[in-house]
Amino acid sequence: MHDTAQRTAEFLALAVENAELRQQLAEVQDQCVELAVDAGELHAEIEALRARLAQAEQDRDAWRAEADQGLRTG
């Protein structure tokens, strides 16, 4: 009988550990989804900043060209 009680206790301990691990897994999966959403938002923001930088560089180059042209003709 003692052997059966010990097996039952071990089984229950494993069941509890399994439930705890499943809960941890669910929490980590939720965190992964949140991280993926954040990464997507950051990616979009980076792309927007790159576009703004490219436009600023084009504007700078155009202003430089105008300034150089003005110095030559001025």
PDB file of N, CA and C in Angstrom:
ATOM      1  N   MET A   1       0.823  -1.195   0.000  1.00  0.00           N
ATOM      2  CA  MET A   1       0.000   0.000   0.000  1.00  0.00           C
ATOM      3  C   MET A   1       0.860   1.250   0.000  1.00  0.00           C
ATOM      4  N   HIS A   2       1.964   1.168   0.699  1.00  0.00           N
ATOM      5  CA  HIS A   2       2.866   2.320   0.778  1.00  0.00           C
ATOM      6  C   HIS A   2       3.377   2.685  -0.607  1.00  0.00           C
ATOM      7  N   ASP A   3       3.668   1.682  -1.414  1.00  0.00           N
ATOM      8  CA  ASP A   3       4.168   1.905  -2.766  1.00  0.00           C
ATOM      9  C   ASP A   3       3.124   2.645  -3.602  1.00  0.00           C
ATOM     10  N   THR A   4       1.870   2.281  -3.458  1.00  0.00           N
ATOM     11  CA  THR A   4       0.798   2.938  -4.205  1.00  0.00           C
ATOM     12  C   THR A   4       0.642   4.386  -3.762  1.00  0.00           C
ATOM     13  N   ALA A   5       0.720   4.641  -2.485  1.00  0.00           N
ATOM     14  CA  ALA A   5       0.604   6.005  -1.963  1.00  0.00           C
ATOM     15  C   ALA A   5       1.757   6.862  -2.465  1.00  0.00           C
ATOM     16  N   GLN A   6       2.955   6.280  -2.496  1.00  0.00           N
ATOM     17  CA  GLN A   6       4.115   7.028  -2.978  1.00  0.00           C
ATOM     18  C   GLN A   6       3.965   7.339  -4.466  1.00  0.00           C
ATOM     19  N   ARG A   7       3.494   6.370  -5.226  1.00  0.00           N
ATOM     20  CA  ARG A   7       3.289   6.601  -6.659  1.00  0.00           C
ATOM     21  C   ARG A   7       2.226   7.673  -6.892  1.00  0.00           C
ATOM     22  N   THR A   8       1.179   7.613  -6.089  1.00  0.00           N
ATOM     23  CA  THR A   8       0.126   8.620  -6.207  1.00  0.00           C
ATOM     24  C   THR A   8       0.675  10.002  -5.889  1.00  0.00           C
ATOM     25  N   ALA A   9       1.471  10.099  -4.843  1.00  0.00           N
ATOM     26  CA  ALA A   9       2.069  11.379  -4.464  1.00  0.00           C
ATOM     27  C   ALA A   9       3.001  11.885  -5.561  1.00  0.00           C
ATOM     28  N   GLU A  10       3.792  10.984  -6.129  1.00  0.00           N
ATOM     29  CA  GLU A  10       4.693  11.377  -7.213  1.00  0.00           C
ATOM     30  C   GLU A  10       3.905  11.824  -8.441  1.00  0.00           C
ATOM     31  N   PHE A  11       2.827  11.095  -8.723  1.00  0.00           N
ATOM     32  CA  PHE A  11       1.992  11.466  -9.866  1.00  0.00           C
ATOM     33  C   PHE A  11       1.374  12.845  -9.660  1.00  0.00           C
ATOM     34  N   LEU A  12       0.869  13.091  -8.458  1.00  0.00           N
ATOM     35  CA  LEU A  12       0.276  14.394  -8.167  1.00  0.00           C
ATOM     36  C   LEU A  12       1.322  15.504  -8.237  1.00  0.00           C
ATOM     37  N   ALA A  13       2.522  15.233  -7.758  1.00  0.00           N
ATOM     38  CA  ALA A  13       3.599  16.225  -7.832  1.00  0.00           C
ATOM     39  C   ALA A  13       3.927  16.542  -9.288  1.00  0.00           C
ATOM     40  N   LEU A  14       3.975  15.504 -10.113  1.00  0.00           N
ATOM     41  CA  LEU A  14       4.234  15.722 -11.542  1.00  0.00           C
ATOM     42  C   LEU A  14       3.092  16.489 -12.202  1.00  0.00           C
ATOM     43  N   ALA A  15       1.871  16.193 -11.809  1.00  0.00           N
ATOM     44  CA  ALA A  15       0.719  16.897 -12.374  1.00  0.00           C
ATOM     45  C   ALA A  15       0.763  18.377 -12.005  1.00  0.00           C
ATOM     46  N   VAL A  16       1.124  18.666 -10.762  1.00  0.00           N
ATOM     47  CA  VAL A  16       1.238  20.060 -10.324  1.00  0.00           C
ATOM     48  C   VAL A  16       2.361  20.758 -11.079  1.00  0.00           C
ATOM     49  N   GLU A  17       3.508  20.093 -11.180  1.00  0.00           N
ATOM     50  CA  GLU A  17       4.634  20.681 -11.909  1.00  0.00           C
ATOM     51  C   GLU A  17       4.264  20.919 -13.374  1.00  0.00           C
ATOM     52  N   ASN A  18       3.576  19.962 -13.970  1.00  0.00           N
ATOM     53  CA  ASN A  18       3.137  20.097 -15.353  1.00  0.00           C
ATOM     54  C   ASN A  18       2.210  21.306 -15.507  1.00  0.00           C
ATOM     55  N   ALA A  19       1.275  21.466 -14.590  1.00  0.00           N
ATOM     56  CA  ALA A  19       0.349  22.599 -14.647  1.00  0.00           C
ATOM     57  C   ALA A  19       1.103  23.920 -14.504  1.00  0.00           C
ATOM     58  N   GLU A  20       2.077  23.951 -13.595  1.00  0.00           N
ATOM     59  CA  GLU A  20       2.873  25.168 -13.410  1.00  0.00           C
ATOM     60  C   GLU A  20       3.676  25.492 -14.671  1.00  0.00           C
ATOM     61  N   LEU A  21       4.255  24.462 -15.274  1.00  0.00           N
ATOM     62  CA  LEU A  21       5.034  24.676 -16.497  1.00  0.00           C
ATOM     63  C   LEU A  21       4.142  25.134 -17.650  1.00  0.00           C
ATOM     64  N   ARG A  22       2.948  24.578 -17.724  1.00  0.00           N
ATOM     65  CA  ARG A  22       2.014  25.018 -18.770  1.00  0.00           C
ATOM     66  C   ARG A  22       1.631  26.486 -18.572  1.00  0.00           C
ATOM     67  N   GLN A  23       1.448  26.884 -17.322  1.00  0.00           N
ATOM     68  CA  GLN A  23       1.121  28.280 -17.023  1.00  0.00           C
ATOM     69  C   GLN A  23       2.284  29.193 -17.416  1.00  0.00           C
ATOM     70  N   GLN A  24       3.499  28.784 -17.081  1.00  0.00           N
ATOM     71  CA  GLN A  24       4.674  29.568 -17.461  1.00  0.00           C
ATOM     72  C   GLN A  24       4.787  29.669 -18.979  1.00  0.00           C
ATOM     73  N   LEU A  25       4.539  28.567 -19.663  1.00  0.00           N
ATOM     74  CA  LEU A  25       4.593  28.565 -21.123  1.00  0.00           C
ATOM     75  C   LEU A  25       3.567  29.533 -21.704  1.00  0.00           C
ATOM     76  N   ALA A  26       2.362  29.519 -21.170  1.00  0.00           N
ATOM     77  CA  ALA A  26       1.318  30.426 -21.656  1.00  0.00           C
ATOM     78  C   ALA A  26       1.730  31.881 -21.446  1.00  0.00           C
ATOM     79  N   GLU A  27       2.324  32.182 -20.299  1.00  0.00           N
ATOM     80  CA  GLU A  27       2.773  33.545 -20.023  1.00  0.00           C
ATOM     81  C   GLU A  27       3.881  33.963 -20.981  1.00  0.00           C
ATOM     82  N   VAL A  28       4.819  33.063 -21.227  1.00  0.00           N
ATOM     83  CA  VAL A  28       5.921  33.373 -22.140  1.00  0.00           C
ATOM     84  C   VAL A  28       5.400  33.541 -23.567  1.00  0.00           C
ATOM     85  N   GLN A  29       4.428  32.731 -23.956  1.00  0.00           N
ATOM     86  CA  GLN A  29       3.836  32.882 -25.288  1.00  0.00           C
ATOM     87  C   GLN A  29       3.166  34.246 -25.424  1.00  0.00           C
ATOM     88  N   ASP A  30       2.468  34.679 -24.382  1.00  0.00           N
ATOM     89  CA  ASP A  30       1.853  36.009 -24.405  1.00  0.00           C
ATOM     90  C   ASP A  30       2.919  37.092 -24.544  1.00  0.00           C
ATOM     91  N   GLN A  31       4.026  36.933 -23.817  1.00  0.00           N
ATOM     92  CA  GLN A  31       5.116  37.902 -23.909  1.00  0.00           C
ATOM     93  C   GLN A  31       5.702  37.923 -25.314  1.00  0.00           C
ATOM     94  N   CYS A  32       5.817  36.762 -25.927  1.00  0.00           N
ATOM     95  CA  CYS A  32       6.341  36.691 -27.300  1.00  0.00           C
ATOM     96  C   CYS A  32       5.430  37.432 -28.270  1.00  0.00           C
ATOM     97  N   VAL A  33       4.136  37.285 -28.095  1.00  0.00           N
ATOM     98  CA  VAL A  33       3.192  37.995 -28.960  1.00  0.00           C
ATOM     99  C   VAL A  33       3.345  39.500 -28.757  1.00  0.00           C
ATOM    100  N   GLU A  34       3.440  39.928 -27.503  1.00  0.00           N
ATOM    101  CA  GLU A  34       3.617  41.353 -27.215  1.00  0.00           C
ATOM    102  C   GLU A  34       4.914  41.868 -27.824  1.00  0.00           C
ATOM    103  N   LEU A  35       5.979  41.096 -27.717  1.00  0.00           N
ATOM    104  CA  LEU A  35       7.257  41.501 -28.304  1.00  0.00           C
ATOM    105  C   LEU A  35       7.165  41.596 -29.820  1.00  0.00           C
ATOM    106  N   ALA A  36       6.453  40.672 -30.425  1.00  0.00           N
ATOM    107  CA  ALA A  36       6.297  40.709 -31.884  1.00  0.00           C
ATOM    108  C   ALA A  36       5.525  41.955 -32.313  1.00  0.00           C
ATOM    109  N   VAL A  37       4.495  42.305 -31.562  1.00  0.00           N
ATOM    110  CA  VAL A  37       3.732  43.520 -31.871  1.00  0.00           C
ATOM    111  C   VAL A  37       4.626  44.739 -31.722  1.00  0.00           C
ATOM    112  N   ASP A  38       5.369  44.805 -30.612  1.00  0.00           N
ATOM    113  CA  ASP A  38       6.289  45.926 -30.397  1.00  0.00           C
ATOM    114  C   ASP A  38       7.330  46.003 -31.506  1.00  0.00           C
ATOM    115  N   ALA A  39       7.854  44.866 -31.903  1.00  0.00           N
ATOM    116  CA  ALA A  39       8.863  44.841 -32.970  1.00  0.00           C
ATOM    117  C   ALA A  39       8.275  45.358 -34.275  1.00  0.00           C
ATOM    118  N   GLY A  40       7.052  44.987 -34.570  1.00  0.00           N
ATOM    119  CA  GLY A  40       6.395  45.480 -35.779  1.00  0.00           C
ATOM    120  C   GLY A  40       6.213  46.984 -35.747  1.00  0.00           C
ATOM    121  N   GLU A  41       5.809  47.502 -34.590  1.00  0.00           N
ATOM    122  CA  GLU A  41       5.642  48.948 -34.456  1.00  0.00           C
ATOM    123  C   GLU A  41       6.979  49.667 -34.595  1.00  0.00           C
ATOM    124  N   LEU A  42       8.016  49.118 -33.974  1.00  0.00           N
ATOM    125  CA  LEU A  42       9.342  49.726 -34.082  1.00  0.00           C
ATOM    126  C   LEU A  42       9.854  49.679 -35.511  1.00  0.00           C
ATOM    127  N   HIS A  43       9.592  48.587 -36.197  1.00  0.00           N
ATOM    128  CA  HIS A  43      10.021  48.478 -37.589  1.00  0.00           C
ATOM    129  C   HIS A  43       9.353  49.564 -38.438  1.00  0.00           C
ATOM    130  N   ALA A  44       8.062  49.750 -38.229  1.00  0.00           N
ATOM    131  CA  ALA A  44       7.340  50.782 -38.980  1.00  0.00           C
ATOM    132  C   ALA A  44       7.893  52.167 -38.655  1.00  0.00           C
ATOM    133  N   GLU A  45       8.195  52.402 -37.393  1.00  0.00           N
ATOM    134  CA  GLU A  45       8.753  53.700 -36.995  1.00  0.00           C
ATOM    135  C   GLU A  45      10.134  53.918 -37.613  1.00  0.00           C
ATOM    136  N   ILE A  46      10.941  52.877 -37.636  1.00  0.00           N
ATOM    137  CA  ILE A  46      12.271  52.982 -38.251  1.00  0.00           C
ATOM    138  C   ILE A  46      12.144  53.290 -39.737  1.00  0.00           C
ATOM    139  N   GLU A  47      11.229  52.622 -40.411  1.00  0.00           N
ATOM    140  CA  GLU A  47      11.030  52.880 -41.840  1.00  0.00           C
ATOM    141  C   GLU A  47      10.599  54.323 -42.073  1.00  0.00           C
ATOM    142  N   ALA A  48       9.717  54.833 -41.227  1.00  0.00           N
ATOM    143  CA  ALA A  48       9.275  56.224 -41.362  1.00  0.00           C
ATOM    144  C   ALA A  48      10.442  57.179 -41.125  1.00  0.00           C
ATOM    145  N   LEU A  49      11.267  56.887 -40.131  1.00  0.00           N
ATOM    146  CA  LEU A  49      12.427  57.735 -39.851  1.00  0.00           C
ATOM    147  C   LEU A  49      13.438  57.687 -40.987  1.00  0.00           C
ATOM    148  N   ARG A  50      13.613  56.524 -41.579  1.00  0.00           N
ATOM    149  CA  ARG A  50      14.522  56.418 -42.730  1.00  0.00           C
ATOM    150  C   ARG A  50      14.025  57.263 -43.895  1.00  0.00           C
ATOM    151  N   ALA A  51      12.725  57.241 -44.113  1.00  0.00           N
ATOM    152  CA  ALA A  51      12.156  58.049 -45.197  1.00  0.00           C
ATOM    153  C   ALA A  51      12.347  59.533 -44.909  1.00  0.00           C
ATOM    154  N   ARG A  52      12.126  59.937 -43.653  1.00  0.00           N
ATOM    155  CA  ARG A  52      12.330  61.345 -43.291  1.00  0.00           C
ATOM    156  C   ARG A  52      13.792  61.738 -43.445  1.00  0.00           C
ATOM    157  N   LEU A  53      14.696  60.855 -43.056  1.00  0.00           N
ATOM    158  CA  LEU A  53      16.124  61.132 -43.197  1.00  0.00           C
ATOM    159  C   LEU A  53      16.500  61.282 -44.664  1.00  0.00           C
ATOM    160  N   ALA A  54      15.998  60.394 -45.496  1.00  0.00           N
ATOM    161  CA  ALA A  54      16.304  60.469 -46.927  1.00  0.00           C
ATOM    162  C   ALA A  54      15.808  61.791 -47.505  1.00  0.00           C
ATOM    163  N   GLN A  55      14.615  62.213 -47.098  1.00  0.00           N
ATOM    164  CA  GLN A  55      14.083  63.491 -47.585  1.00  0.00           C
ATOM    165  C   GLN A  55      14.925  64.653 -47.071  1.00  0.00           C
ATOM    166  N   ALA A  56      15.320  64.602 -45.812  1.00  0.00           N
ATOM    167  CA  ALA A  56      16.156  65.667 -45.248  1.00  0.00           C
ATOM    168  C   ALA A  56      17.498  65.741 -45.968  1.00  0.00           C
ATOM    169  N   GLU A  57      18.060  64.589 -46.296  1.00  0.00           N
ATOM    170  CA  GLU A  57      19.328  64.580 -47.028  1.00  0.00           C
ATOM    171  C   GLU A  57      19.154  65.164 -48.428  1.00  0.00           C
ATOM    172  N   GLN A  58      18.043  64.841 -49.075  1.00  0.00           N
ATOM    173  CA  GLN A  58      17.776  65.411 -50.403  1.00  0.00           C
ATOM    174  C   GLN A  58      17.611  66.926 -50.309  1.00  0.00           C
ATOM    175  N   ASP A  59      16.874  67.380 -49.300  1.00  0.00           N
ATOM    176  CA  ASP A  59      16.686  68.822 -49.113  1.00  0.00           C
ATOM    177  C   ASP A  59      18.024  69.510 -48.853  1.00  0.00           C
ATOM    178  N   ARG A  60      18.835  68.902 -47.993  1.00  0.00           N
ATOM    179  CA  ARG A  60      20.153  69.460 -47.691  1.00  0.00           C
ATOM    180  C   ARG A  60      20.994  69.570 -48.955  1.00  0.00           C
ATOM    181  N   ASP A  61      21.009  68.518 -49.742  1.00  0.00           N
ATOM    182  CA  ASP A  61      21.803  68.529 -50.972  1.00  0.00           C
ATOM    183  C   ASP A  61      21.299  69.594 -51.945  1.00  0.00           C
ATOM    184  N   ALA A  62      19.975  69.748 -52.014  1.00  0.00           N
ATOM    185  CA  ALA A  62      19.409  70.769 -52.903  1.00  0.00           C
ATOM    186  C   ALA A  62      19.785  72.162 -52.418  1.00  0.00           C
ATOM    187  N   TRP A  63      19.713  72.389 -51.109  1.00  0.00           N
ATOM    188  CA  TRP A  63      20.078  73.705 -50.567  1.00  0.00           C
ATOM    189  C   TRP A  63      21.562  73.987 -50.797  1.00  0.00           C
ATOM    190  N   ARG A  64      22.367  72.956 -50.623  1.00  0.00           N
ATOM    191  CA  ARG A  64      23.804  73.108 -50.876  1.00  0.00           C
ATOM    192  C   ARG A  64      24.068  73.493 -52.326  1.00  0.00           C
ATOM    193  N   ALA A  65      23.384  72.803 -53.216  1.00  0.00           N
ATOM    194  CA  ALA A  65      23.560  73.093 -54.641  1.00  0.00           C
ATOM    195  C   ALA A  65      23.128  74.524 -54.948  1.00  0.00           C
ATOM    196  N   GLU A  66      22.022  74.961 -54.350  1.00  0.00           N
ATOM    197  CA  GLU A  66      21.571  76.341 -54.547  1.00  0.00           C
ATOM    198  C   GLU A  66      22.584  77.327 -53.987  1.00  0.00           C
ATOM    199  N   ALA A  67      23.123  77.025 -52.803  1.00  0.00           N
ATOM    200  CA  ALA A  67      24.111  77.917 -52.187  1.00  0.00           C
ATOM    201  C   ALA A  67      25.369  77.978 -53.034  1.00  0.00           C
ATOM    202  N   ASP A  68      25.814  76.840 -53.513  1.00  0.00           N
ATOM    203  CA  ASP A  68      27.004  76.817 -54.371  1.00  0.00           C
ATOM    204  C   ASP A  68      26.750  77.602 -55.651  1.00  0.00           C
ATOM    205  N   GLN A  69      25.583  77.436 -56.216  1.00  0.00           N
ATOM    206  CA  GLN A  69      25.230  78.152 -57.447  1.00  0.00           C
ATOM    207  C   GLN A  69      25.183  79.655 -57.176  1.00  0.00           C
ATOM    208  N   GLY A  70      24.638  80.042 -56.034  1.00  0.00           N
ATOM    209  CA  GLY A  70      24.562  81.455 -55.675  1.00  0.00           C
ATOM    210  C   GLY A  70      25.933  82.061 -55.463  1.00  0.00           C
ATOM    211  N   LEU A  71      26.852  81.275 -54.873  1.00  0.00           N
ATOM    212  CA  LEU A  71      28.212  81.773 -54.654  1.00  0.00           C
ATOM    213  C   LEU A  71      28.936  81.964 -55.980  1.00  0.00           C
ATOM    214  N   ARG A  72      28.676  81.094 -56.914  1.00  0.00           N
ATOM    215  CA  ARG A  72      29.345  81.181 -58.215  1.00  0.00           C
ATOM    216  C   ARG A  72      28.823  82.355 -59.046  1.00  0.00           C
ATOM    217  N   THR A  73      27.520  82.591 -58.955  1.00  0.00           N
ATOM    218  CA  THR A  73      26.930  83.650 -59.786  1.00  0.00           C
ATOM    219  C   THR A  73      26.836  84.968 -59.035  1.00  0.00           C
ATOM    220  N   GLY A  74      26.960  84.909 -57.727  1.00  0.00           N
ATOM    221  CA  GLY A  74      26.773  86.097 -56.906  1.00  0.00           C
ATOM    222  C   GLY A  74      27.937  86.966 -56.875  1.00  0.00           C
TER     223      GLY A  74
END
